Amino acid sequence: MWVGAALVGMGQGDTRRAEHAARTGRHVLPVGTRIEVLEVYCSRCRVPYSERACAWPCGGAALRNAVNPSG
């Protein structure tokens, strides 16, 4: 599965949001929020999409912290 690494603002001067995200690993964004994707890579082998070095589908082992689209 391809995933994207992105920068998500936590709000200027609002440490509660940053503390919650650091503690839980989650941050809820309002509907319609656009984010800038910095890099797209394989969630299993971490090979960047631009290289496409792994055969698709990737045969790499799933990472414990891999993104789970079902929540």
C-alpha atoms as a PDB file:
ATOM      1  CA  MET A   1       0.000   0.000   0.000  1.00  0.00           C
ATOM      2  CA  TRP A   2       1.330   3.431  -0.891  1.00  0.00           C
ATOM      3  CA  VAL A   3       1.267   5.985   1.920  1.00  0.00           C
ATOM      4  CA  GLY A   4       2.207   9.644   2.089  1.00  0.00           C
ATOM      5  CA  ALA A   5       4.333  11.486   4.618  1.00  0.00           C
ATOM      6  CA  ALA A   6       2.932  14.940   5.285  1.00  0.00           C
ATOM      7  CA  LEU A   7       3.265  18.025   7.448  1.00  0.00           C
ATOM      8  CA  VAL A   8       0.155  18.801   9.467  1.00  0.00           C
ATOM      9  CA  GLY A   9      -0.043  22.047  11.412  1.00  0.00           C
ATOM     10  CA  MET A  10      -1.004  21.794  15.063  1.00  0.00           C
ATOM     11  CA  GLY A  11      -1.848  25.475  15.453  1.00  0.00           C
ATOM     12  CA  GLN A  12       0.459  28.269  16.475  1.00  0.00           C
ATOM     13  CA  GLY A  13       0.975  28.434  20.232  1.00  0.00           C
ATOM     14  CA  ASP A  14      -1.579  25.676  20.976  1.00  0.00           C
ATOM     15  CA  THR A  15       0.417  23.014  22.806  1.00  0.00           C
ATOM     16  CA  ARG A  16      -2.637  20.902  23.750  1.00  0.00           C
ATOM     17  CA  ARG A  17      -3.035  19.635  20.190  1.00  0.00           C
ATOM     18  CA  ALA A  18       0.663  18.872  19.857  1.00  0.00           C
ATOM     19  CA  GLU A  19       0.773  17.091  23.226  1.00  0.00           C
ATOM     20  CA  HIS A  20      -2.277  14.984  22.316  1.00  0.00           C
ATOM     21  CA  ALA A  21      -0.808  14.042  18.921  1.00  0.00           C
ATOM     22  CA  ALA A  22       2.538  13.143  20.505  1.00  0.00           C
ATOM     23  CA  ARG A  23       0.842  11.009  23.156  1.00  0.00           C
ATOM     24  CA  THR A  24      -1.723   9.215  20.964  1.00  0.00           C
ATOM     25  CA  GLY A  25      -0.100   9.325  17.537  1.00  0.00           C
ATOM     26  CA  ARG A  26      -3.320  10.838  16.135  1.00  0.00           C
ATOM     27  CA  HIS A  27      -4.584  14.241  15.122  1.00  0.00           C
ATOM     28  CA  VAL A  28      -8.077  14.820  13.732  1.00  0.00           C
ATOM     29  CA  LEU A  29      -8.369  17.350  10.930  1.00  0.00           C
ATOM     30  CA  PRO A  30     -11.488  19.277   9.948  1.00  0.00           C
ATOM     31  CA  VAL A  31     -13.316  18.054   6.831  1.00  0.00           C
ATOM     32  CA  GLY A  32     -11.919  19.578   3.667  1.00  0.00           C
ATOM     33  CA  THR A  33      -8.483  20.330   5.147  1.00  0.00           C
ATOM     34  CA  ARG A  34      -5.736  20.117   2.540  1.00  0.00           C
ATOM     35  CA  ILE A  35      -2.279  18.909   3.498  1.00  0.00           C
ATOM     36  CA  GLU A  36       0.997  18.936   1.616  1.00  0.00           C
ATOM     37  CA  VAL A  37       2.368  15.446   0.901  1.00  0.00           C
ATOM     38  CA  LEU A  38       6.140  15.439   1.225  1.00  0.00           C
ATOM     39  CA  GLU A  39       6.843  11.910   0.039  1.00  0.00           C
ATOM     40  CA  VAL A  40       4.934   8.804  -1.097  1.00  0.00           C
ATOM     41  CA  TYR A  41       6.360   5.403  -0.198  1.00  0.00           C
ATOM     42  CA  CYS A  42       5.452   1.739   0.293  1.00  0.00           C
ATOM     43  CA  SER A  43       4.108   1.109   3.800  1.00  0.00           C
ATOM     44  CA  ARG A  44       5.753  -2.322   3.881  1.00  0.00           C
ATOM     45  CA  CYS A  45       9.254  -1.830   2.500  1.00  0.00           C
ATOM     46  CA  ARG A  46       9.471   1.990   2.713  1.00  0.00           C
ATOM     47  CA  VAL A  47      10.736   2.290  -0.879  1.00  0.00           C
ATOM     48  CA  PRO A  48       9.820   5.718  -2.307  1.00  0.00           C
ATOM     49  CA  TYR A  49       7.179   5.706  -5.049  1.00  0.00           C
ATOM     50  CA  SER A  50       9.563   7.651  -7.274  1.00  0.00           C
ATOM     51  CA  GLU A  51      11.990   4.690  -7.237  1.00  0.00           C
ATOM     52  CA  ARG A  52       9.408   1.893  -7.488  1.00  0.00           C
ATOM     53  CA  ALA A  53      12.223  -0.518  -6.678  1.00  0.00           C
ATOM     54  CA  CYS A  54       9.967  -3.128  -5.115  1.00  0.00           C
ATOM     55  CA  ALA A  55       7.823  -5.401  -7.244  1.00  0.00           C
ATOM     56  CA  TRP A  56       4.128  -4.736  -6.858  1.00  0.00           C
ATOM     57  CA  PRO A  57       2.503  -6.073  -4.846  1.00  0.00           C
ATOM     58  CA  CYS A  58       5.290  -5.703  -2.336  1.00  0.00           C
ATOM     59  CA  GLY A  59       6.331  -8.930  -0.656  1.00  0.00           C
ATOM     60  CA  GLY A  60       7.865  -7.200   2.345  1.00  0.00           C
ATOM     61  CA  ALA A  61       6.699  -7.884   5.870  1.00  0.00           C
ATOM     62  CA  ALA A  62       4.057  -5.484   7.184  1.00  0.00           C
ATOM     63  CA  LEU A  63       5.439  -3.028   9.699  1.00  0.00           C
ATOM     64  CA  ARG A  64       3.837  -2.915  13.136  1.00  0.00           C
ATOM     65  CA  ASN A  65       3.164   0.799  12.777  1.00  0.00           C
ATOM     66  CA  ALA A  66       1.987   0.624   9.165  1.00  0.00           C
ATOM     67  CA  VAL A  67      -1.042   2.708   8.302  1.00  0.00           C
ATOM     68  CA  ASN A  68      -4.318   0.821   8.651  1.00  0.00           C
ATOM     69  CA  PRO A  69      -6.966   2.273   6.316  1.00  0.00           C
ATOM     70  CA  SER A  70      -9.797   0.645   8.296  1.00  0.00           C
ATOM     71  CA  GLY A  71      -8.911   2.646  11.414  1.00  0.00           C
END
